[in-house]
Amino acid sequence: MLANKATNIVVELQDGKTYKMDFDMGALANAECIYEKHFGKAVGVNAIIGDLVQAKAHAMMAFAYGAMLSAGEKITWERFCKSVYTFENYQKLTDVVSEAMVQMMRTDEEPEEGEGKNAHSRGAN
């Protein structure tokens, strides 16, 4: 399922402020807590990943906030909701979360962009 983590990411938002984000198991654990505390849903990591794949806004919100906490940002849920997870920042945060999910799910066997399926066997003949 998850093969990697996407850490040390810095996102600059519309207002020029920057935030550190670590998309790792800590971020997913934080997202579980956020689902339960703020959304009233006790779900596991697999359900959150399913919601992220479907690009559900509450999953993006929980994982982005969880990643900020995992990276050591000191930000309250209330401030995150009012100042960070805004309409103006939505696309930027969605892009960062989506790219982190791709990185987390990439396996070592998958070719990098621009490589063919048989790239590893070139020149073997």
Protein backbone atom coordinates (compact mmCIF):
# COMPACT_ATOMS: atom_id res chain seq x y z
CA MET A 1 0.00 0.00 0.00
CA LEU A 2 2.25 2.87 1.17
CA ALA A 3 5.87 2.46 0.20
CA ASN A 4 7.41 5.87 0.95
CA LYS A 5 6.92 9.07 2.84
CA ALA A 6 6.98 12.61 1.51
CA THR A 7 8.73 14.77 4.07
CA ASN A 8 10.37 18.17 4.35
CA ILE A 9 7.82 19.76 2.04
CA VAL A 10 7.39 23.52 2.31
CA VAL A 11 4.22 25.02 0.87
CA GLU A 12 3.81 28.73 0.23
CA LEU A 13 0.22 29.89 0.33
CA GLN A 14 -1.63 32.83 -1.20
CA ASP A 15 -0.73 35.22 1.64
CA GLY A 16 2.99 34.44 1.30
CA LYS A 17 3.19 32.41 4.51
CA THR A 18 5.02 29.11 4.36
CA TYR A 19 4.29 25.90 6.24
CA LYS A 20 6.29 22.72 6.64
CA MET A 21 4.54 19.44 5.89
CA ASP A 22 5.57 15.81 6.48
CA PHE A 23 3.32 13.28 4.79
CA ASP A 24 4.16 10.16 6.77
CA MET A 25 2.45 7.70 9.09
CA GLY A 26 2.35 10.41 11.77
CA ALA A 27 0.32 12.59 9.41
CA LEU A 28 -2.09 9.72 8.75
CA ALA A 29 -2.39 9.01 12.49
CA ASN A 30 -3.12 12.71 13.02
CA ALA A 31 -5.73 12.53 10.26
CA GLU A 32 -7.44 9.63 12.08
CA CYS A 33 -7.69 11.77 15.22
CA ILE A 34 -8.96 14.75 13.21
CA TYR A 35 -11.67 12.61 11.60
CA GLU A 36 -12.87 11.49 15.02
CA LYS A 37 -12.55 14.80 16.90
CA HIS A 38 -13.69 17.25 14.23
CA PHE A 39 -15.79 15.16 11.84
CA GLY A 40 -17.29 12.70 14.34
CA LYS A 41 -16.10 9.68 12.34
CA ALA A 42 -13.84 6.98 13.79
CA VAL A 43 -12.08 5.60 10.71
CA GLY A 44 -8.76 3.98 9.95
CA VAL A 45 -5.93 4.81 7.59
CA ASN A 46 -7.39 2.73 4.73
CA ALA A 47 -10.64 4.70 4.80
CA ILE A 48 -8.74 7.99 4.83
CA ILE A 49 -6.61 6.89 1.88
CA GLY A 50 -9.81 5.88 0.06
CA ASP A 51 -11.24 9.34 0.71
CA LEU A 52 -8.00 10.95 -0.51
CA VAL A 53 -8.09 8.92 -3.73
CA GLN A 54 -11.64 10.21 -4.25
CA ALA A 55 -10.35 13.75 -3.57
CA LYS A 56 -12.85 14.34 -0.77
CA ALA A 57 -12.35 17.78 0.75
CA HIS A 58 -12.51 16.61 4.37
CA ALA A 59 -9.78 14.04 3.69
CA MET A 60 -7.56 16.63 2.02
CA MET A 61 -8.18 18.94 4.97
CA ALA A 62 -7.39 16.31 7.61
CA PHE A 63 -4.27 15.03 5.85
CA ALA A 64 -2.90 18.53 5.13
CA TYR A 65 -3.40 19.57 8.76
CA GLY A 66 -2.01 16.24 9.99
CA ALA A 67 1.07 16.73 7.77
CA MET A 68 1.66 20.19 9.22
CA LEU A 69 1.45 18.82 12.76
CA SER A 70 3.73 15.92 11.83
CA ALA A 71 6.32 18.44 10.55
CA GLY A 72 6.20 20.31 13.86
CA GLU A 73 4.05 23.28 12.88
CA LYS A 74 2.35 24.88 15.86
CA ILE A 75 -1.07 25.68 14.45
CA THR A 76 -4.51 25.19 15.94
CA TRP A 77 -7.36 23.56 14.07
CA GLU A 78 -9.30 26.81 14.25
CA ARG A 79 -6.46 28.84 12.72
CA PHE A 80 -5.89 26.18 10.07
CA CYS A 81 -9.57 26.30 9.09
CA LYS A 82 -9.75 30.12 9.00
CA SER A 83 -6.35 31.06 7.60
CA VAL A 84 -4.86 28.06 5.80
CA TYR A 85 -7.60 25.82 4.42
CA THR A 86 -9.34 28.60 2.55
CA PHE A 87 -10.90 28.85 -0.88
CA GLU A 88 -7.85 30.82 -2.07
CA ASN A 89 -5.43 28.09 -0.88
CA TYR A 90 -7.56 25.06 -1.74
CA GLN A 91 -5.96 24.26 -5.11
CA LYS A 92 -2.41 24.67 -3.81
CA LEU A 93 -3.06 22.42 -0.80
CA THR A 94 -4.88 19.86 -2.95
CA ASP A 95 -1.94 19.76 -5.36
CA VAL A 96 0.55 19.24 -2.51
CA VAL A 97 -1.55 16.49 -0.90
CA SER A 98 -2.11 14.76 -4.25
CA GLU A 99 1.59 14.82 -5.14
CA ALA A 100 2.48 13.51 -1.68
CA MET A 101 0.04 10.61 -2.13
CA VAL A 102 1.63 9.72 -5.47
CA GLN A 103 5.08 9.78 -3.87
CA MET A 104 3.91 7.71 -0.90
CA MET A 105 2.39 5.05 -3.14
CA ARG A 106 5.28 4.85 -5.63
CA THR A 107 7.24 1.64 -5.35
CA ASP A 108 10.89 1.20 -6.29
CA GLU A 109 9.81 -1.03 -9.19
CA GLU A 110 7.78 1.73 -10.84
CA PRO A 111 9.72 3.57 -13.55
CA GLU A 112 10.36 7.27 -13.16
CA GLU A 113 8.51 9.62 -15.46
CA GLY A 114 9.86 9.29 -18.99
CA GLU A 115 11.13 5.74 -18.52
CA GLY A 116 9.47 2.84 -20.30
CA LYS A 117 8.39 -0.36 -18.65
CA ASN A 118 11.53 -2.09 -19.88
CA ALA A 119 13.91 0.75 -19.03
CA HIS A 120 15.72 -1.34 -16.42
CA SER A 121 16.55 -4.06 -18.94
CA ARG A 122 18.00 -1.81 -21.64
CA GLY A 123 21.38 -2.93 -22.83
CA ALA A 124 21.00 -6.30 -21.14
CA ASN A 125 21.16 -8.15 -24.50
